[in-house]
């Protein structure tokens, strides 16, 4: 389920819950114990989904088209906070001191697509600070790995990325291999895709919110 579909689904649930609540007040005489229980269960579950979606949007930090959440994985988090983190980052989530996560959103004004070529440019000294390693992973719109001719699904500090003369690093995000830059190529599908950035044992700049992941920029107009 894509973000757009999930958002529309959540809005639909909210409308249904609102209708049931209003109807319960206006037509209270027609309710039975059975109907009360069924409607209460459905409304409670629906409002839970809506609450998680709202909380995820509130807690999310959006910068340069990336989304992250500070404080995920902490043992004292309440169930709604945990659900909000899981909404954005499905799967196991570590405490911030062990790992931080980012996911691409909609900061470019359009969804990332293999119909375009993109570059993720890290300036000199601008790679994610860490005491372990970092990785950038490609996935299609359904959050599945992308089959590609070189069997490359992620790149990172252990990938042998080539540096530019000034020490900066460019990662090429596109469907076709970039001429002369295949070492820094993360293959994209022909259609929509998303990116995950994971940093393990992140540096102090990340933990203090001082590090900013650079934007994904379009390299040239669509082919």
N, C-alpha and C. Protein backbone atom coordinates (compact mmCIF):
# COMPACT_ATOMS: atom_id res chain seq x y z
N UNK A 1 0.84 -1.19 0.00
CA UNK A 1 0.00 0.00 0.00
C UNK A 1 0.88 1.24 0.00
N UNK A 2 0.69 2.13 -0.99
CA UNK A 2 1.49 3.34 -1.07
C UNK A 2 1.04 4.35 -0.01
N UNK A 3 1.88 5.38 0.20
CA UNK A 3 1.54 6.42 1.17
C UNK A 3 0.24 7.12 0.81
N UNK A 4 0.06 7.38 -0.48
CA UNK A 4 -1.16 8.07 -0.92
C UNK A 4 -2.39 7.21 -0.64
N UNK A 5 -2.30 5.92 -0.97
CA UNK A 5 -3.43 5.02 -0.72
C UNK A 5 -3.72 4.92 0.77
N UNK A 6 -2.66 4.81 1.57
CA UNK A 6 -2.86 4.69 3.02
C UNK A 6 -3.50 5.95 3.59
N UNK A 7 -3.07 7.12 3.10
CA UNK A 7 -3.65 8.37 3.57
C UNK A 7 -5.13 8.46 3.23
N UNK A 8 -5.48 8.09 2.00
CA UNK A 8 -6.89 8.10 1.59
C UNK A 8 -7.70 7.10 2.41
N UNK A 9 -7.11 5.94 2.67
CA UNK A 9 -7.77 4.92 3.48
C UNK A 9 -8.02 5.42 4.89
N UNK A 10 -7.02 6.11 5.46
CA UNK A 10 -7.16 6.66 6.81
C UNK A 10 -8.25 7.73 6.85
N UNK A 11 -8.27 8.59 5.82
CA UNK A 11 -9.30 9.63 5.77
C UNK A 11 -10.68 9.00 5.67
N UNK A 12 -10.80 7.94 4.89
CA UNK A 12 -12.09 7.24 4.75
C UNK A 12 -12.54 6.68 6.10
N UNK A 13 -11.60 6.07 6.82
CA UNK A 13 -11.93 5.53 8.14
C UNK A 13 -12.39 6.64 9.07
N UNK A 14 -11.71 7.79 9.01
CA UNK A 14 -12.09 8.92 9.85
C UNK A 14 -13.50 9.40 9.56
N UNK A 15 -13.86 9.45 8.29
CA UNK A 15 -15.21 9.87 7.90
C UNK A 15 -16.25 8.88 8.42
N UNK A 16 -15.98 7.59 8.26
CA UNK A 16 -16.91 6.57 8.74
C UNK A 16 -17.08 6.64 10.25
N UNK A 17 -15.97 6.82 10.96
CA UNK A 17 -16.04 6.92 12.43
C UNK A 17 -16.86 8.14 12.84
N UNK A 18 -16.62 9.24 12.16
CA UNK A 18 -17.37 10.45 12.46
C UNK A 18 -18.86 10.26 12.22
N UNK A 19 -19.19 9.59 11.13
CA UNK A 19 -20.59 9.33 10.82
C UNK A 19 -21.24 8.47 11.90
N UNK A 20 -20.52 7.41 12.33
CA UNK A 20 -21.08 6.51 13.34
C UNK A 20 -21.28 7.25 14.66
N UNK A 21 -20.31 8.08 15.03
CA UNK A 21 -20.43 8.82 16.30
C UNK A 21 -21.61 9.78 16.26
N UNK A 22 -21.72 10.55 15.17
CA UNK A 22 -22.83 11.49 15.05
C UNK A 22 -24.16 10.76 15.04
N UNK A 23 -24.22 9.65 14.30
CA UNK A 23 -25.46 8.87 14.23
C UNK A 23 -25.84 8.33 15.60
N UNK A 24 -24.85 7.96 16.40
CA UNK A 24 -25.13 7.43 17.74
C UNK A 24 -25.79 8.47 18.63
N UNK A 25 -25.37 9.72 18.47
CA UNK A 25 -25.96 10.80 19.26
C UNK A 25 -27.36 11.15 18.77
N UNK A 26 -27.54 11.16 17.45
CA UNK A 26 -28.82 11.60 16.90
C UNK A 26 -29.90 10.52 16.96
N UNK A 27 -29.47 9.26 16.91
CA UNK A 27 -30.44 8.17 16.89
C UNK A 27 -30.16 7.17 18.02
N UNK A 28 -29.92 7.70 19.20
CA UNK A 28 -29.57 6.86 20.35
C UNK A 28 -30.67 5.87 20.70
N UNK A 29 -31.92 6.21 20.45
CA UNK A 29 -33.04 5.33 20.83
C UNK A 29 -33.06 4.05 20.01
N UNK A 30 -32.46 4.08 18.83
CA UNK A 30 -32.52 2.90 17.95
C UNK A 30 -31.37 1.92 18.19
N UNK A 31 -30.48 2.23 19.12
CA UNK A 31 -29.33 1.38 19.36
C UNK A 31 -29.67 0.21 20.28
N UNK A 32 -29.02 -0.92 20.06
CA UNK A 32 -29.15 -2.08 20.93
C UNK A 32 -27.78 -2.37 21.53
N UNK A 33 -27.76 -3.28 22.51
CA UNK A 33 -26.48 -3.63 23.12
C UNK A 33 -25.52 -4.20 22.08
N UNK A 34 -26.04 -5.05 21.20
CA UNK A 34 -25.20 -5.64 20.17
C UNK A 34 -24.63 -4.58 19.24
N UNK A 35 -25.52 -3.68 18.80
CA UNK A 35 -25.05 -2.61 17.92
C UNK A 35 -24.03 -1.73 18.61
N UNK A 36 -24.27 -1.45 19.91
CA UNK A 36 -23.33 -0.64 20.67
C UNK A 36 -21.94 -1.27 20.69
N UNK A 37 -21.89 -2.59 20.93
CA UNK A 37 -20.61 -3.28 21.00
C UNK A 37 -19.90 -3.28 19.65
N UNK A 38 -20.65 -3.59 18.60
CA UNK A 38 -20.05 -3.63 17.26
C UNK A 38 -19.55 -2.26 16.85
N UNK A 39 -20.40 -1.24 17.03
CA UNK A 39 -20.01 0.11 16.64
C UNK A 39 -18.86 0.61 17.50
N UNK A 40 -18.89 0.27 18.79
CA UNK A 40 -17.80 0.69 19.66
C UNK A 40 -16.47 0.08 19.25
N UNK A 41 -16.50 -1.20 18.88
CA UNK A 41 -15.27 -1.87 18.43
C UNK A 41 -14.75 -1.23 17.15
N UNK A 42 -15.65 -1.04 16.17
CA UNK A 42 -15.23 -0.49 14.89
C UNK A 42 -14.74 0.94 15.02
N UNK A 43 -15.46 1.74 15.79
CA UNK A 43 -15.06 3.14 15.98
C UNK A 43 -13.73 3.21 16.72
N UNK A 44 -13.56 2.39 17.76
CA UNK A 44 -12.31 2.39 18.50
C UNK A 44 -11.12 2.01 17.64
N UNK A 45 -11.30 0.95 16.84
CA UNK A 45 -10.21 0.54 15.94
C UNK A 45 -9.93 1.61 14.89
N UNK A 46 -11.00 2.18 14.34
CA UNK A 46 -10.82 3.22 13.32
C UNK A 46 -10.13 4.44 13.86
N UNK A 47 -10.55 4.89 15.05
CA UNK A 47 -9.92 6.07 15.64
C UNK A 47 -8.46 5.79 16.00
N UNK A 48 -8.16 4.52 16.33
CA UNK A 48 -6.77 4.17 16.60
C UNK A 48 -5.90 4.35 15.37
N UNK A 49 -6.41 3.89 14.22
CA UNK A 49 -5.67 4.05 12.96
C UNK A 49 -5.47 5.52 12.64
N UNK A 50 -6.54 6.32 12.80
CA UNK A 50 -6.46 7.74 12.51
C UNK A 50 -5.48 8.43 13.46
N UNK A 51 -5.52 8.05 14.75
CA UNK A 51 -4.63 8.66 15.74
C UNK A 51 -3.17 8.38 15.42
N UNK A 52 -2.88 7.14 15.00
CA UNK A 52 -1.50 6.78 14.67
C UNK A 52 -1.02 7.58 13.47
N UNK A 53 -1.87 7.73 12.46
CA UNK A 53 -1.50 8.51 11.27
C UNK A 53 -1.22 9.96 11.64
N UNK A 54 -2.07 10.55 12.47
CA UNK A 54 -1.88 11.94 12.88
C UNK A 54 -0.60 12.08 13.69
N UNK A 55 -0.38 11.17 14.64
CA UNK A 55 0.81 11.24 15.48
C UNK A 55 2.08 11.06 14.67
N UNK A 56 2.04 10.17 13.67
CA UNK A 56 3.21 9.96 12.81
C UNK A 56 3.56 11.25 12.08
N UNK A 57 2.55 11.98 11.63
CA UNK A 57 2.80 13.23 10.91
C UNK A 57 3.33 14.31 11.85
N UNK A 58 2.86 14.30 13.10
CA UNK A 58 3.31 15.29 14.08
C UNK A 58 4.76 15.04 14.48
N UNK A 59 5.10 13.79 14.74
CA UNK A 59 6.43 13.45 15.23
C UNK A 59 7.48 13.46 14.13
N UNK A 60 7.08 13.33 12.89
CA UNK A 60 8.04 13.26 11.78
C UNK A 60 8.72 14.60 11.57
N UNK A 61 10.02 14.54 11.31
CA UNK A 61 10.80 15.71 10.94
C UNK A 61 11.10 15.62 9.45
N UNK A 62 10.73 16.65 8.71
CA UNK A 62 10.91 16.65 7.25
C UNK A 62 11.92 17.72 6.85
N UNK A 63 13.01 17.28 6.22
CA UNK A 63 14.05 18.19 5.76
C UNK A 63 14.58 17.68 4.42
N UNK A 64 14.63 18.55 3.44
CA UNK A 64 15.21 18.22 2.12
C UNK A 64 14.55 17.01 1.46
N UNK A 65 13.25 16.82 1.71
CA UNK A 65 12.56 15.71 1.08
C UNK A 65 12.71 14.39 1.82
N UNK A 66 13.39 14.41 2.98
CA UNK A 66 13.57 13.21 3.81
C UNK A 66 12.70 13.30 5.05
N UNK A 67 12.29 12.15 5.55
CA UNK A 67 11.49 12.07 6.77
C UNK A 67 12.25 11.24 7.79
N UNK A 68 12.32 11.72 9.03
CA UNK A 68 12.89 10.94 10.12
C UNK A 68 12.08 11.22 11.37
N UNK A 69 12.27 10.40 12.37
CA UNK A 69 11.61 10.57 13.67
C UNK A 69 12.65 10.37 14.75
N UNK A 70 12.80 11.35 15.62
CA UNK A 70 13.73 11.23 16.72
C UNK A 70 13.03 10.57 17.91
N UNK A 71 13.74 9.65 18.57
CA UNK A 71 13.19 9.03 19.76
C UNK A 71 12.53 7.69 19.53
N UNK A 72 12.55 7.17 18.32
CA UNK A 72 11.97 5.84 18.08
C UNK A 72 12.82 4.78 18.78
N UNK A 73 12.17 3.71 19.19
CA UNK A 73 12.89 2.59 19.79
C UNK A 73 13.18 2.72 21.27
N UNK A 74 12.84 3.86 21.89
CA UNK A 74 13.11 4.03 23.32
C UNK A 74 12.18 3.14 24.14
N UNK A 75 12.70 2.46 25.16
CA UNK A 75 11.89 1.52 25.94
C UNK A 75 10.65 2.14 26.57
N UNK A 76 10.70 3.43 26.93
CA UNK A 76 9.57 4.06 27.61
C UNK A 76 8.50 4.61 26.70
N UNK A 77 8.63 4.42 25.41
CA UNK A 77 7.64 4.95 24.47
C UNK A 77 6.28 4.29 24.67
N UNK A 78 5.21 5.09 24.56
CA UNK A 78 3.87 4.53 24.66
C UNK A 78 3.51 3.81 23.37
N UNK A 79 2.41 3.09 23.40
CA UNK A 79 2.03 2.26 22.26
C UNK A 79 1.74 3.08 21.01
N UNK A 80 1.20 4.30 21.17
CA UNK A 80 0.90 5.11 20.00
C UNK A 80 2.18 5.62 19.35
N UNK A 81 3.17 5.98 20.17
CA UNK A 81 4.45 6.43 19.62
C UNK A 81 5.13 5.29 18.87
N UNK A 82 5.08 4.09 19.44
CA UNK A 82 5.67 2.93 18.77
C UNK A 82 4.95 2.67 17.44
N UNK A 83 3.64 2.77 17.45
CA UNK A 83 2.87 2.55 16.23
C UNK A 83 3.18 3.62 15.19
N UNK A 84 3.35 4.87 15.64
CA UNK A 84 3.67 5.96 14.72
C UNK A 84 5.03 5.73 14.07
N UNK A 85 6.02 5.26 14.86
CA UNK A 85 7.34 4.97 14.30
C UNK A 85 7.25 3.80 13.31
N UNK A 86 6.45 2.78 13.66
CA UNK A 86 6.30 1.64 12.77
C UNK A 86 5.57 2.03 11.49
N UNK A 87 4.70 3.02 11.56
CA UNK A 87 4.00 3.51 10.37
C UNK A 87 4.99 4.06 9.36
N UNK A 88 6.03 4.74 9.83
CA UNK A 88 7.01 5.36 8.94
C UNK A 88 8.13 4.39 8.60
N UNK A 89 8.59 3.63 9.62
CA UNK A 89 9.71 2.71 9.43
C UNK A 89 9.27 1.30 9.82
N UNK A 90 8.66 0.55 8.90
CA UNK A 90 8.23 -0.82 9.22
C UNK A 90 9.43 -1.70 9.59
N UNK A 91 9.21 -2.61 10.50
CA UNK A 91 10.27 -3.51 10.91
C UNK A 91 10.91 -3.08 12.21
N UNK A 92 11.92 -3.83 12.67
CA UNK A 92 12.59 -3.51 13.93
C UNK A 92 13.22 -2.12 13.90
N UNK A 93 13.09 -1.39 14.99
CA UNK A 93 13.67 -0.05 15.11
C UNK A 93 14.53 0.00 16.36
N UNK A 94 15.79 0.38 16.19
CA UNK A 94 16.71 0.47 17.31
C UNK A 94 16.55 1.80 18.06
N UNK A 95 17.15 1.88 19.24
CA UNK A 95 17.21 3.16 19.95
C UNK A 95 18.11 4.08 19.14
N UNK A 96 17.94 5.41 19.26
CA UNK A 96 18.71 6.35 18.42
C UNK A 96 20.22 6.17 18.53
N UNK A 97 20.72 5.82 19.71
CA UNK A 97 22.17 5.66 19.88
C UNK A 97 22.72 4.49 19.07
N UNK A 98 21.84 3.57 18.69
CA UNK A 98 22.27 2.42 17.89
C UNK A 98 22.05 2.64 16.39
N UNK A 99 20.97 3.33 16.04
CA UNK A 99 20.68 3.55 14.62
C UNK A 99 19.68 4.67 14.44
N UNK A 100 19.86 5.43 13.36
CA UNK A 100 18.89 6.44 12.95
C UNK A 100 18.49 6.15 11.52
N UNK A 101 17.26 6.50 11.19
CA UNK A 101 16.68 6.14 9.91
C UNK A 101 16.06 7.37 9.23
N UNK A 102 16.17 7.40 7.91
CA UNK A 102 15.49 8.42 7.10
C UNK A 102 14.81 7.71 5.93
N UNK A 103 13.74 8.32 5.45
CA UNK A 103 13.00 7.78 4.32
C UNK A 103 12.59 8.95 3.44
N UNK A 104 12.64 8.77 2.12
CA UNK A 104 12.26 9.87 1.24
C UNK A 104 10.76 10.11 1.30
N UNK A 105 10.41 11.40 1.25
CA UNK A 105 9.01 11.80 1.25
C UNK A 105 8.65 12.42 -0.07
N UNK A 106 8.05 13.61 -0.02
CA UNK A 106 7.58 14.25 -1.26
C UNK A 106 8.14 15.67 -1.38
N UNK A 107 9.35 15.88 -0.86
CA UNK A 107 9.92 17.21 -0.87
C UNK A 107 10.33 17.72 -2.24
N UNK A 108 10.39 16.84 -3.24
CA UNK A 108 10.81 17.27 -4.58
C UNK A 108 9.67 17.83 -5.40
N UNK A 109 8.47 17.76 -4.87
CA UNK A 109 7.32 18.24 -5.62
C UNK A 109 6.70 17.15 -6.47
N UNK A 110 7.34 16.00 -6.56
CA UNK A 110 6.78 14.86 -7.28
C UNK A 110 7.40 13.60 -6.71
N UNK A 111 6.78 12.48 -6.95
CA UNK A 111 7.29 11.21 -6.46
C UNK A 111 8.53 10.82 -7.24
N UNK A 112 9.53 10.25 -6.55
CA UNK A 112 10.72 9.78 -7.23
C UNK A 112 10.35 8.67 -8.21
N UNK A 113 10.91 8.74 -9.41
CA UNK A 113 10.55 7.78 -10.46
C UNK A 113 11.75 7.50 -11.34
N UNK A 114 11.84 6.24 -11.78
CA UNK A 114 12.91 5.85 -12.69
C UNK A 114 12.82 6.50 -14.06
N UNK A 115 11.74 7.23 -14.31
CA UNK A 115 11.65 8.00 -15.56
C UNK A 115 12.59 9.20 -15.53
N UNK A 116 13.13 9.51 -14.35
CA UNK A 116 14.06 10.63 -14.19
C UNK A 116 15.39 10.10 -13.65
N UNK A 117 16.44 10.88 -13.82
CA UNK A 117 17.74 10.56 -13.24
C UNK A 117 17.99 11.51 -12.08
N UNK A 118 18.51 10.97 -10.97
CA UNK A 118 18.73 11.78 -9.78
C UNK A 118 20.16 11.61 -9.27
N UNK A 119 20.58 12.58 -8.47
CA UNK A 119 21.88 12.52 -7.81
C UNK A 119 21.69 12.89 -6.34
N UNK A 120 22.30 12.11 -5.47
CA UNK A 120 22.38 12.46 -4.06
C UNK A 120 23.81 12.90 -3.82
N UNK A 121 24.00 14.19 -3.60
CA UNK A 121 25.33 14.79 -3.50
C UNK A 121 25.69 15.06 -2.05
N UNK A 122 26.72 14.37 -1.57
CA UNK A 122 27.26 14.63 -0.24
C UNK A 122 28.46 15.56 -0.39
N UNK A 123 28.42 16.74 0.21
CA UNK A 123 29.55 17.66 0.09
C UNK A 123 30.79 17.12 0.81
N UNK A 124 31.95 17.72 0.61
CA UNK A 124 33.15 17.26 1.31
C UNK A 124 32.93 17.21 2.83
N UNK A 125 33.23 16.07 3.42
CA UNK A 125 33.04 15.92 4.86
C UNK A 125 31.59 15.79 5.26
N UNK A 126 30.68 15.60 4.29
CA UNK A 126 29.26 15.59 4.58
C UNK A 126 28.60 14.23 4.60
N UNK A 127 29.39 13.15 4.54
CA UNK A 127 28.80 11.82 4.65
C UNK A 127 28.27 11.62 6.07
N UNK A 128 27.27 10.77 6.24
CA UNK A 128 26.65 10.61 7.57
C UNK A 128 27.68 10.22 8.64
N UNK A 129 27.84 11.03 9.69
CA UNK A 129 28.81 10.70 10.74
C UNK A 129 28.37 9.49 11.55
N UNK A 130 29.30 8.58 11.79
CA UNK A 130 28.95 7.35 12.50
C UNK A 130 30.19 6.69 13.07
N UNK A 131 29.96 5.75 13.97
CA UNK A 131 31.04 4.94 14.53
C UNK A 131 30.89 3.48 14.11
N UNK A 132 30.06 3.23 13.11
CA UNK A 132 29.87 1.87 12.60
C UNK A 132 29.83 1.93 11.08
N UNK A 133 28.64 2.13 10.50
CA UNK A 133 28.53 2.23 9.05
C UNK A 133 27.19 2.87 8.69
N UNK A 134 27.04 3.24 7.42
CA UNK A 134 25.78 3.78 6.92
C UNK A 134 25.46 3.08 5.59
N UNK A 135 24.17 3.09 5.23
CA UNK A 135 23.77 2.48 3.97
C UNK A 135 22.57 3.22 3.39
N UNK A 136 22.51 3.25 2.07
CA UNK A 136 21.38 3.83 1.33
C UNK A 136 20.75 2.72 0.52
N UNK A 137 19.47 2.46 0.75
CA UNK A 137 18.78 1.32 0.13
C UNK A 137 17.69 1.80 -0.80
N UNK A 138 17.58 1.14 -1.94
CA UNK A 138 16.55 1.44 -2.94
C UNK A 138 15.40 0.46 -2.82
N UNK A 139 14.17 0.93 -2.97
CA UNK A 139 13.00 0.05 -2.98
C UNK A 139 11.96 0.62 -3.93
N UNK A 140 11.11 -0.25 -4.46
CA UNK A 140 10.05 0.23 -5.34
C UNK A 140 8.90 0.81 -4.51
N UNK A 141 7.82 1.19 -5.16
CA UNK A 141 6.71 1.86 -4.47
C UNK A 141 6.06 0.97 -3.43
N UNK A 142 6.21 -0.36 -3.58
CA UNK A 142 5.64 -1.30 -2.61
C UNK A 142 6.66 -1.70 -1.55
N UNK A 143 7.79 -0.98 -1.52
CA UNK A 143 8.85 -1.20 -0.54
C UNK A 143 9.49 -2.59 -0.68
N UNK A 144 9.63 -3.02 -1.95
CA UNK A 144 10.35 -4.25 -2.26
C UNK A 144 11.67 -3.89 -2.92
N UNK A 145 12.68 -4.75 -2.74
CA UNK A 145 13.94 -4.51 -3.41
C UNK A 145 13.74 -4.48 -4.93
N UNK A 146 14.64 -3.78 -5.59
CA UNK A 146 14.53 -3.58 -7.03
C UNK A 146 15.50 -4.51 -7.77
N UNK A 147 14.97 -5.44 -8.55
CA UNK A 147 15.83 -6.32 -9.35
C UNK A 147 16.60 -5.47 -10.37
N UNK A 148 17.89 -5.76 -10.53
CA UNK A 148 18.70 -4.96 -11.44
C UNK A 148 19.86 -5.82 -11.97
N UNK A 149 20.47 -5.42 -13.09
CA UNK A 149 21.48 -6.27 -13.74
C UNK A 149 22.76 -6.45 -12.95
N UNK A 150 23.05 -5.60 -11.97
CA UNK A 150 24.30 -5.75 -11.20
C UNK A 150 24.02 -6.24 -9.78
N UNK A 151 22.78 -6.62 -9.50
CA UNK A 151 22.41 -7.15 -8.18
C UNK A 151 22.86 -6.22 -7.05
N UNK A 152 22.63 -4.95 -7.22
CA UNK A 152 23.00 -3.96 -6.19
C UNK A 152 21.71 -3.36 -5.64
N UNK A 153 21.52 -3.49 -4.35
CA UNK A 153 20.29 -3.03 -3.71
C UNK A 153 20.54 -1.90 -2.70
N UNK A 154 21.79 -1.67 -2.39
CA UNK A 154 22.15 -0.58 -1.48
C UNK A 154 23.61 -0.21 -1.71
N UNK A 155 23.95 1.00 -1.29
CA UNK A 155 25.35 1.45 -1.29
C UNK A 155 25.63 2.08 0.06
N UNK A 156 26.91 2.21 0.37
CA UNK A 156 27.26 2.80 1.66
C UNK A 156 28.75 3.01 1.78
N UNK A 157 29.21 3.17 3.02
CA UNK A 157 30.62 3.46 3.23
C UNK A 157 31.52 2.25 2.97
N UNK A 158 30.92 1.08 2.75
CA UNK A 158 31.70 -0.11 2.46
C UNK A 158 31.56 -0.55 1.00
N UNK A 159 31.05 0.35 0.17
CA UNK A 159 30.78 0.00 -1.24
C UNK A 159 31.88 0.45 -2.18
N UNK A 160 32.91 1.10 -1.66
CA UNK A 160 33.97 1.60 -2.54
C UNK A 160 33.51 2.74 -3.42
N UNK A 161 32.68 3.63 -2.87
CA UNK A 161 32.19 4.77 -3.64
C UNK A 161 33.33 5.69 -4.05
N UNK A 162 33.31 6.13 -5.31
CA UNK A 162 34.34 7.02 -5.82
C UNK A 162 34.06 8.46 -5.37
N UNK A 163 35.11 9.16 -4.98
CA UNK A 163 34.98 10.56 -4.58
C UNK A 163 35.29 11.49 -5.75
N UNK A 164 34.67 12.66 -5.71
CA UNK A 164 35.02 13.71 -6.66
C UNK A 164 36.34 14.34 -6.25
N UNK A 165 36.99 15.10 -7.12
CA UNK A 165 38.29 15.71 -6.78
C UNK A 165 38.26 16.54 -5.50
N UNK A 166 37.12 17.15 -5.17
CA UNK A 166 37.05 17.99 -3.97
C UNK A 166 36.69 17.19 -2.72
N UNK A 167 36.57 15.86 -2.84
CA UNK A 167 36.25 15.03 -1.69
C UNK A 167 34.76 14.78 -1.50
N UNK A 168 33.94 15.38 -2.33
CA UNK A 168 32.50 15.13 -2.25
C UNK A 168 32.16 13.78 -2.89
N UNK A 169 30.96 13.30 -2.64
CA UNK A 169 30.52 12.01 -3.17
C UNK A 169 29.15 12.16 -3.82
N UNK A 170 29.01 11.69 -5.04
CA UNK A 170 27.73 11.69 -5.75
C UNK A 170 27.24 10.25 -5.89
N UNK A 171 25.99 10.01 -5.52
CA UNK A 171 25.37 8.71 -5.73
C UNK A 171 24.32 8.88 -6.82
N UNK A 172 24.41 8.07 -7.86
CA UNK A 172 23.53 8.19 -9.02
C UNK A 172 22.34 7.25 -8.87
N UNK A 173 21.16 7.81 -8.88
CA UNK A 173 19.92 7.08 -8.69
C UNK A 173 19.14 7.12 -9.99
N UNK A 174 19.22 6.07 -10.78
CA UNK A 174 18.57 6.07 -12.08
C UNK A 174 18.42 4.65 -12.59
N UNK A 175 17.58 4.51 -13.62
CA UNK A 175 17.26 3.19 -14.16
C UNK A 175 18.40 2.66 -15.04
N UNK A 176 18.98 3.52 -15.85
CA UNK A 176 20.08 3.11 -16.73
C UNK A 176 21.41 3.46 -16.09
N UNK A 177 22.43 2.66 -16.38
CA UNK A 177 23.74 2.88 -15.79
C UNK A 177 24.30 4.24 -16.22
N UNK A 178 24.82 5.03 -15.29
CA UNK A 178 25.41 6.32 -15.64
C UNK A 178 26.80 6.12 -16.24
N UNK A 179 27.04 6.69 -17.38
CA UNK A 179 28.32 6.52 -18.07
C UNK A 179 29.46 7.04 -17.19
N UNK A 180 30.43 6.18 -16.92
CA UNK A 180 31.60 6.60 -16.17
C UNK A 180 31.41 6.67 -14.67
N UNK A 181 30.21 6.32 -14.18
CA UNK A 181 29.96 6.44 -12.74
C UNK A 181 29.30 5.19 -12.17
N UNK A 182 29.55 4.03 -12.76
CA UNK A 182 28.85 2.83 -12.35
C UNK A 182 29.18 2.44 -10.90
N UNK A 183 30.37 2.80 -10.43
CA UNK A 183 30.74 2.47 -9.05
C UNK A 183 29.82 3.14 -8.05
N UNK A 184 29.25 4.28 -8.44
CA UNK A 184 28.37 5.05 -7.54
C UNK A 184 26.91 4.96 -7.96
N UNK A 185 26.57 3.94 -8.72
CA UNK A 185 25.20 3.79 -9.24
C UNK A 185 24.37 2.90 -8.32
N UNK A 186 23.22 3.42 -7.91
CA UNK A 186 22.22 2.62 -7.20
C UNK A 186 21.04 2.48 -8.14
N UNK A 187 20.87 1.31 -8.76
CA UNK A 187 19.85 1.14 -9.81
C UNK A 187 18.43 1.37 -9.30
N UNK A 188 17.67 2.10 -10.10
CA UNK A 188 16.27 2.40 -9.78
C UNK A 188 15.36 1.61 -10.71
N UNK A 189 14.12 1.36 -10.29
CA UNK A 189 13.16 0.69 -11.18
C UNK A 189 12.70 1.65 -12.26
N UNK A 190 11.93 1.14 -13.20
CA UNK A 190 11.40 2.01 -14.26
C UNK A 190 10.31 2.94 -13.72
N UNK A 191 9.64 2.52 -12.65
CA UNK A 191 8.56 3.32 -12.07
C UNK A 191 8.97 4.01 -10.79
N UNK A 192 8.01 4.19 -9.89
CA UNK A 192 8.25 4.93 -8.66
C UNK A 192 9.15 4.17 -7.69
N UNK A 193 9.87 4.91 -6.87
CA UNK A 193 10.71 4.27 -5.88
C UNK A 193 10.88 5.17 -4.65
N UNK A 194 11.38 4.56 -3.58
CA UNK A 194 11.70 5.28 -2.36
C UNK A 194 13.11 4.91 -1.93
N UNK A 195 13.66 5.68 -1.01
CA UNK A 195 15.00 5.44 -0.49
C UNK A 195 14.96 5.40 1.03
N UNK A 196 15.77 4.52 1.59
CA UNK A 196 16.00 4.50 3.03
C UNK A 196 17.47 4.79 3.28
N UNK A 197 17.72 5.65 4.24
CA UNK A 197 19.09 5.90 4.71
C UNK A 197 19.16 5.43 6.15
N UNK A 198 20.11 4.55 6.43
CA UNK A 198 20.30 4.04 7.79
C UNK A 198 21.72 4.35 8.24
N UNK A 199 21.85 4.87 9.45
CA UNK A 199 23.17 5.17 10.02
C UNK A 199 23.27 4.45 11.36
N UNK A 200 24.27 3.58 11.49
CA UNK A 200 24.42 2.78 12.70
C UNK A 200 25.52 3.36 13.60
N UNK A 201 25.23 3.41 14.89
CA UNK A 201 26.05 4.11 15.89
C UNK A 201 26.30 5.53 15.38
N UNK A 202 25.21 6.29 15.20
CA UNK A 202 25.34 7.64 14.62
C UNK A 202 26.17 8.57 15.48
N UNK A 203 26.81 9.54 14.82
CA UNK A 203 27.62 10.52 15.52
C UNK A 203 26.77 11.52 16.28
N UNK A 204 27.44 12.34 17.09
CA UNK A 204 26.75 13.31 17.94
C UNK A 204 25.94 14.31 17.11
N UNK A 205 26.45 14.68 15.93
CA UNK A 205 25.74 15.65 15.10
C UNK A 205 24.37 15.14 14.70
N UNK A 206 24.25 13.83 14.45
CA UNK A 206 22.96 13.25 14.11
C UNK A 206 22.06 13.20 15.34
N UNK A 207 22.58 12.72 16.45
CA UNK A 207 21.78 12.57 17.66
C UNK A 207 21.28 13.91 18.19
N UNK A 208 22.04 14.97 17.93
CA UNK A 208 21.64 16.30 18.40
C UNK A 208 20.83 17.07 17.35
N UNK A 209 20.53 16.41 16.22
CA UNK A 209 19.73 17.06 15.19
C UNK A 209 20.48 18.10 14.39
N UNK A 210 21.81 18.04 14.40
CA UNK A 210 22.62 19.04 13.71
C UNK A 210 23.02 18.62 12.30
N UNK A 211 22.86 17.33 11.99
CA UNK A 211 23.23 16.84 10.65
C UNK A 211 22.01 16.84 9.75
N UNK A 212 22.19 17.29 8.53
CA UNK A 212 21.10 17.34 7.55
C UNK A 212 21.45 16.48 6.35
N UNK A 213 20.57 15.55 6.03
CA UNK A 213 20.78 14.73 4.84
C UNK A 213 20.54 15.60 3.61
N UNK A 214 21.44 15.59 2.64
CA UNK A 214 21.25 16.42 1.45
C UNK A 214 20.05 15.97 0.63
N UNK A 215 19.50 16.87 -0.18
CA UNK A 215 18.32 16.52 -0.99
C UNK A 215 18.69 15.64 -2.18
N UNK A 216 17.71 14.90 -2.65
CA UNK A 216 17.84 14.14 -3.90
C UNK A 216 17.43 15.11 -5.01
N UNK A 217 18.35 15.37 -5.92
CA UNK A 217 18.07 16.36 -6.97
C UNK A 217 18.02 15.67 -8.33
N UNK A 218 17.19 16.20 -9.21
CA UNK A 218 17.06 15.63 -10.54
C UNK A 218 18.25 16.04 -11.38
N UNK A 219 18.85 15.05 -12.05
CA UNK A 219 20.07 15.31 -12.82
C UNK A 219 19.76 16.00 -14.14
N UNK A 220 18.66 15.61 -14.77
CA UNK A 220 18.28 16.22 -16.05
C UNK A 220 16.82 15.94 -16.30
N UNK A 221 16.19 16.63 -17.24
CA UNK A 221 14.77 16.38 -17.52
C UNK A 221 14.52 14.94 -17.88
N UNK A 222 13.27 14.52 -17.72
CA UNK A 222 12.88 13.13 -18.02
C UNK A 222 13.17 12.81 -19.46
N UNK A 223 13.51 11.53 -19.69
CA UNK A 223 13.85 11.09 -21.03
C UNK A 223 12.60 10.94 -21.88
